[in-house]
Amino acid sequence: MPPAISRLSITFGLVTIPVTIHSVIEEQGVTLHQVHAEDGGRIRLRRRCETCGREVPVQQLARGYTDPHGRTVVLTEDDLAELPLPSIKAVDVVAFVDAASVDPLQLSRSYFLGFDTSAAKPYVLLRDAMREAGRVAITKVTMRTGGKEQLALLRVRDEVLVLQTMNWPDEVRPAEGLAPAADVTVRPQEVQMATGLMDALSADFDLAVLRDRYRDAMTELVTAKLEGEALPDTALVTPAPGDVVDLMAALQASIDAHQHEPPAEEEEHPGR
């Protein structure tokens, strides 16, 4: 079980359910940092004021805002204290809606919600009721006391409640002008061929076996350099696609190529 990073309560109506928050994602990549090429010494970033040129200690940092005309205001802690922020950490349920009504573009970071020992029954009750109704909850969440309020989605995954923070609706940019013109049409035969390619690509697909090949190659490269071994051949060359001249021919060629590919297997990666 991942460690709890915080505690809060789910509230809807007069019901309060204490829960624990757990990170969903465990980063697996190789973390690189800047060093001096000659001796490998770490390069540190320093906070330097553009006006006076001096390095500024953390204790003297403040938050500010610069408008399009270049005017800057400094916001003090007293200024920020006057903002209408919730005083407690909570997940306040606003409404229960169908999952299909939520635009995935709004979803951001995900968290598992564990149950507090004293609230096992209401936790299970909420989980089972949401699952049976096929609904998710739109909530407003405050992750830390005095922190800003965020929009979030509460849903069920297997036997656990999951909280996914969301972007506010006005933060999602409109997509006008990005789609092809309405006078671009395709024939029914082309749609059928595209559907056939989709079926061929989806046969026996297992998302769990996919790996980040770049991350694996980076791990092998770093391990080889640390151990003084020969560098592995990690080059992944993918030819750039050419211009599509005949759409039907390209679709058929894609289907034929996929049908002759051997089934994908998970590779072993030394040095991991």
Protein backbone atom coordinates (compact mmCIF):
# COMPACT_ATOMS: atom_id res chain seq x y z
CA MET A 1 0.00 0.00 0.00
CA PRO A 2 1.43 3.42 -0.93
CA PRO A 3 1.89 5.71 2.10
CA ALA A 4 -0.77 8.30 2.84
CA ILE A 5 0.24 11.80 1.81
CA SER A 6 -2.69 13.52 3.52
CA ARG A 7 -6.06 13.04 5.16
CA LEU A 8 -9.39 14.70 4.43
CA SER A 9 -13.12 14.03 4.49
CA ILE A 10 -15.73 13.42 1.79
CA THR A 11 -18.91 15.37 2.52
CA PHE A 12 -22.27 15.10 0.77
CA GLY A 13 -25.50 16.16 2.42
CA LEU A 14 -25.08 15.47 6.13
CA VAL A 15 -22.69 12.54 5.53
CA THR A 16 -18.96 12.86 6.32
CA ILE A 17 -16.48 10.11 5.40
CA PRO A 18 -12.86 10.46 6.60
CA VAL A 19 -10.40 9.15 4.00
CA THR A 20 -6.65 8.98 3.37
CA ILE A 21 -5.02 10.23 0.15
CA HIS A 22 -2.47 8.07 -1.67
CA SER A 23 -0.50 8.86 -4.81
CA VAL A 24 -1.48 6.74 -7.83
CA ILE A 25 1.65 7.30 -9.93
CA GLU A 26 5.14 6.04 -9.09
CA GLU A 27 7.65 7.67 -11.42
CA GLN A 28 9.98 5.11 -13.03
CA GLY A 29 12.16 7.25 -15.30
CA VAL A 30 15.86 8.02 -14.94
CA THR A 31 16.21 11.50 -13.40
CA LEU A 32 18.91 13.59 -15.05
CA HIS A 33 20.38 16.85 -13.74
CA GLN A 34 22.80 19.46 -15.03
CA VAL A 35 26.51 18.93 -14.30
CA HIS A 36 29.81 20.52 -15.32
CA ALA A 37 31.00 18.48 -18.33
CA GLU A 38 34.67 18.74 -17.22
CA ASP A 39 34.39 17.38 -13.68
CA GLY A 40 30.78 16.20 -13.18
CA GLY A 41 30.05 18.80 -10.49
CA ARG A 42 26.36 19.63 -9.94
CA ILE A 43 25.05 22.89 -11.40
CA ARG A 44 22.79 24.71 -8.94
CA LEU A 45 20.20 27.31 -9.83
CA ARG A 46 20.27 30.49 -7.77
CA ARG A 47 17.47 32.98 -7.13
CA ARG A 48 18.76 36.35 -8.31
CA CYS A 49 16.78 39.61 -8.35
CA GLU A 50 16.67 41.25 -11.79
CA THR A 51 16.44 44.73 -10.23
CA CYS A 52 19.24 44.81 -7.65
CA GLY A 53 21.25 41.84 -8.95
CA ARG A 54 21.61 40.25 -5.50
CA GLU A 55 20.91 36.62 -4.65
CA VAL A 56 17.67 36.45 -2.64
CA PRO A 57 17.26 34.04 0.32
CA VAL A 58 14.04 32.03 0.56
CA GLN A 59 12.89 34.06 3.57
CA GLN A 60 12.69 37.21 1.42
CA LEU A 61 10.68 35.70 -1.43
CA ALA A 62 7.13 36.88 -2.05
CA ARG A 63 4.49 36.30 -4.69
CA GLY A 64 3.66 38.92 -7.27
CA TYR A 65 1.72 39.59 -10.46
CA THR A 66 2.82 41.45 -13.59
CA ASP A 67 0.13 42.75 -15.95
CA PRO A 68 0.46 43.04 -19.76
CA HIS A 69 1.73 46.64 -19.34
CA GLY A 70 4.66 45.52 -17.18
CA ARG A 71 3.24 46.80 -13.88
CA THR A 72 4.03 44.51 -10.93
CA VAL A 73 2.28 44.20 -7.59
CA VAL A 74 3.66 42.28 -4.62
CA LEU A 75 1.11 40.22 -2.66
CA THR A 76 1.75 39.91 1.06
CA GLU A 77 0.61 37.09 3.31
CA ASP A 78 -2.02 39.46 4.74
CA ASP A 79 -3.36 40.08 1.23
CA LEU A 80 -3.66 36.37 0.57
CA ALA A 81 -5.25 35.73 3.96
CA GLU A 82 -8.24 37.85 2.89
CA LEU A 83 -9.07 35.54 -0.02
CA PRO A 84 -12.16 33.27 0.37
CA LEU A 85 -10.34 29.99 1.00
CA PRO A 86 -11.86 26.96 2.78
CA SER A 87 -10.59 26.50 6.32
CA ILE A 88 -10.66 22.68 6.31
CA LYS A 89 -9.43 19.91 4.03
CA ALA A 90 -12.48 18.34 2.39
CA VAL A 91 -13.98 16.77 -0.72
CA ASP A 92 -17.33 18.53 -1.06
CA VAL A 93 -19.66 16.66 -3.43
CA VAL A 94 -21.57 19.05 -5.69
CA ALA A 95 -23.48 16.53 -7.83
CA PHE A 96 -23.55 12.94 -9.07
CA VAL A 97 -23.48 12.66 -12.87
CA ASP A 98 -23.04 10.06 -15.61
CA ALA A 99 -19.36 9.33 -16.27
CA ALA A 100 -19.85 9.95 -20.02
CA SER A 101 -20.81 13.57 -19.31
CA VAL A 102 -17.31 14.42 -18.04
CA ASP A 103 -14.84 15.65 -20.66
CA PRO A 104 -11.55 13.70 -20.21
CA LEU A 105 -9.67 16.85 -21.25
CA GLN A 106 -10.49 18.30 -17.83
CA LEU A 107 -8.92 15.44 -15.84
CA SER A 108 -5.53 16.02 -14.25
CA ARG A 109 -3.79 14.25 -11.33
CA SER A 110 -5.18 11.06 -9.75
CA TYR A 111 -5.21 9.84 -6.13
CA PHE A 112 -6.39 6.66 -4.42
CA LEU A 113 -8.64 7.27 -1.42
CA GLY A 114 -8.15 4.85 1.45
CA PHE A 115 -10.68 4.37 4.22
CA ASP A 116 -10.42 5.47 7.80
CA THR A 117 -11.03 2.58 10.20
CA SER A 118 -13.98 4.36 11.76
CA ALA A 119 -15.60 5.00 8.36
CA ALA A 120 -15.39 1.63 6.60
CA LYS A 121 -19.17 1.20 6.28
CA PRO A 122 -20.00 4.65 4.82
CA TYR A 123 -16.99 4.28 2.48
CA VAL A 124 -18.35 0.97 1.14
CA LEU A 125 -21.88 2.38 0.99
CA LEU A 126 -20.82 5.35 -1.15
CA ARG A 127 -18.62 3.15 -3.36
CA ASP A 128 -21.30 0.54 -4.00
CA ALA A 129 -24.06 3.10 -4.55
CA MET A 130 -21.98 4.99 -7.13
CA ARG A 131 -21.03 1.76 -8.91
CA GLU A 132 -24.62 0.48 -9.02
CA ALA A 133 -25.91 3.83 -10.31
CA GLY A 134 -23.09 4.09 -12.87
CA ARG A 135 -22.31 7.61 -11.71
CA VAL A 136 -19.34 9.71 -10.70
CA ALA A 137 -19.28 12.68 -8.35
CA ILE A 138 -18.29 16.21 -9.27
CA THR A 139 -16.61 17.71 -6.21
CA LYS A 140 -14.76 20.72 -4.94
CA VAL A 141 -11.66 19.67 -3.04
CA THR A 142 -9.23 21.44 -0.74
CA MET A 143 -6.09 19.33 -0.38
CA ARG A 144 -4.54 21.32 2.45
CA THR A 145 -5.83 23.66 5.13
CA GLY A 146 -5.94 27.19 3.77
CA GLY A 147 -5.13 25.95 0.26
CA LYS A 148 -6.98 26.85 -2.89
CA GLU A 149 -10.13 25.03 -3.91
CA GLN A 150 -9.95 22.69 -6.92
CA LEU A 151 -12.52 20.96 -9.06
CA ALA A 152 -12.25 17.15 -8.86
CA LEU A 153 -13.93 13.95 -9.99
CA LEU A 154 -14.71 11.15 -7.53
CA ARG A 155 -15.18 7.72 -9.10
CA VAL A 156 -14.91 3.99 -8.36
CA ARG A 157 -12.01 1.85 -9.62
CA ASP A 158 -12.26 -1.82 -8.66
CA GLU A 159 -12.93 -1.66 -4.91
CA VAL A 160 -11.37 1.75 -4.26
CA LEU A 161 -12.57 5.34 -4.54
CA VAL A 162 -10.37 7.47 -6.79
CA LEU A 163 -10.12 11.25 -6.77
CA GLN A 164 -9.01 12.98 -9.99
CA THR A 165 -8.36 16.71 -9.88
CA MET A 166 -9.82 18.62 -12.81
CA ASN A 167 -9.23 21.80 -14.74
CA TRP A 168 -12.04 24.33 -14.42
CA PRO A 169 -14.28 24.47 -17.54
CA ASP A 170 -13.00 27.91 -18.57
CA GLU A 171 -9.40 26.61 -18.52
CA VAL A 172 -9.99 24.22 -21.44
CA ARG A 173 -9.23 26.01 -24.69
CA PRO A 174 -11.76 25.94 -27.54
CA ALA A 175 -10.80 23.88 -30.60
CA GLU A 176 -12.34 26.07 -33.30
CA GLY A 177 -10.48 26.01 -36.59
CA LEU A 178 -8.54 22.82 -35.90
CA ALA A 179 -10.83 20.31 -37.66
CA PRO A 180 -10.77 19.88 -41.46
CA ALA A 181 -13.35 21.82 -43.47
CA ALA A 182 -16.86 20.38 -43.68
CA ASP A 183 -16.51 19.77 -47.42
CA VAL A 184 -13.86 17.06 -46.85
CA THR A 185 -15.65 13.72 -47.18
CA VAL A 186 -14.68 10.04 -47.21
CA ARG A 187 -16.39 7.14 -48.93
CA PRO A 188 -18.15 4.35 -46.98
CA GLN A 189 -15.59 1.86 -48.35
CA GLU A 190 -12.76 3.92 -46.84
CA VAL A 191 -14.51 3.97 -43.46
CA GLN A 192 -14.89 0.17 -43.64
CA MET A 193 -11.20 -0.25 -44.46
CA ALA A 194 -10.22 2.03 -41.57
CA THR A 195 -12.49 0.01 -39.26
CA GLY A 196 -10.81 -3.18 -40.47
CA LEU A 197 -7.40 -1.73 -39.62
CA MET A 198 -8.67 -0.76 -36.16
CA ASP A 199 -9.87 -4.35 -35.60
CA ALA A 200 -6.53 -5.77 -36.77
CA LEU A 201 -4.54 -3.50 -34.45
CA SER A 202 -6.83 -4.30 -31.50
CA ALA A 203 -6.70 -8.10 -31.74
CA ASP A 204 -5.13 -9.66 -28.61
CA PHE A 205 -4.06 -6.23 -27.38
CA ASP A 206 -2.83 -6.09 -23.77
CA LEU A 207 -2.04 -2.64 -22.42
CA ALA A 208 -0.15 -4.11 -19.46
CA VAL A 209 2.76 -5.36 -21.61
CA LEU A 210 3.59 -1.95 -23.08
CA ARG A 211 6.86 -0.43 -21.87
CA ASP A 212 8.62 2.90 -22.22
CA ARG A 213 11.43 1.85 -24.60
CA TYR A 214 13.23 5.17 -24.19
CA ARG A 215 13.27 4.78 -20.39
CA ASP A 216 14.60 1.22 -20.66
CA ALA A 217 17.31 2.30 -23.10
CA MET A 218 18.27 5.21 -20.82
CA THR A 219 18.54 2.83 -17.84
CA GLU A 220 20.81 0.51 -19.81
CA LEU A 221 22.95 3.43 -20.97
CA VAL A 222 23.39 4.86 -17.44
CA THR A 223 24.12 1.43 -15.96
CA ALA A 224 26.76 0.69 -18.61
CA LYS A 225 28.54 4.01 -18.01
CA LEU A 226 28.48 3.53 -14.21
CA GLU A 227 29.94 0.02 -14.51
CA GLY A 228 32.46 0.96 -17.22
CA GLU A 229 30.95 -1.52 -19.65
CA ALA A 230 30.52 -1.25 -23.42
CA LEU A 231 27.65 1.02 -24.35
CA PRO A 232 24.55 -0.89 -25.52
CA ASP A 233 23.11 -0.45 -28.98
CA THR A 234 19.93 1.37 -27.96
CA ALA A 235 19.14 3.24 -31.17
CA LEU A 236 15.45 3.13 -32.09
CA VAL A 237 15.09 4.23 -35.70
CA THR A 238 11.55 4.68 -36.98
CA PRO A 239 11.27 5.81 -40.60
CA ALA A 240 9.22 8.92 -41.16
CA PRO A 241 5.92 8.22 -42.91
CA GLY A 242 5.71 9.28 -46.53
CA ASP A 243 2.91 11.21 -48.18
CA VAL A 244 -0.32 9.23 -48.49
CA VAL A 245 -1.21 9.14 -52.19
CA ASP A 246 -3.81 6.36 -52.25
CA LEU A 247 -5.75 6.16 -48.97
CA MET A 248 -7.35 2.79 -49.74
CA ALA A 249 -4.00 1.27 -50.75
CA ALA A 250 -2.34 2.61 -47.59
CA LEU A 251 -5.09 1.16 -45.39
CA GLN A 252 -4.86 -2.24 -47.09
CA ALA A 253 -1.08 -2.25 -46.82
CA SER A 254 -1.32 -1.44 -43.11
CA ILE A 255 -3.74 -4.32 -42.55
CA ASP A 256 -1.56 -6.75 -44.52
CA ALA A 257 1.58 -5.67 -42.65
CA HIS A 258 -0.05 -6.10 -39.25
CA GLN A 259 -1.47 -9.54 -40.07
CA HIS A 260 2.06 -10.81 -40.83
CA GLU A 261 3.65 -9.42 -37.65
CA PRO A 262 4.60 -11.91 -34.90
CA PRO A 263 2.76 -11.44 -31.57
CA ALA A 264 4.37 -8.86 -29.28
CA GLU A 265 6.22 -10.19 -26.24
CA GLU A 266 7.58 -8.31 -23.25
CA GLU A 267 11.34 -8.02 -23.50
CA GLU A 268 13.87 -8.58 -20.77
CA HIS A 269 16.01 -5.53 -20.04
CA PRO A 270 19.36 -6.07 -18.29
CA GLY A 271 20.46 -3.46 -15.84
CA ARG A 272 16.97 -2.86 -14.41
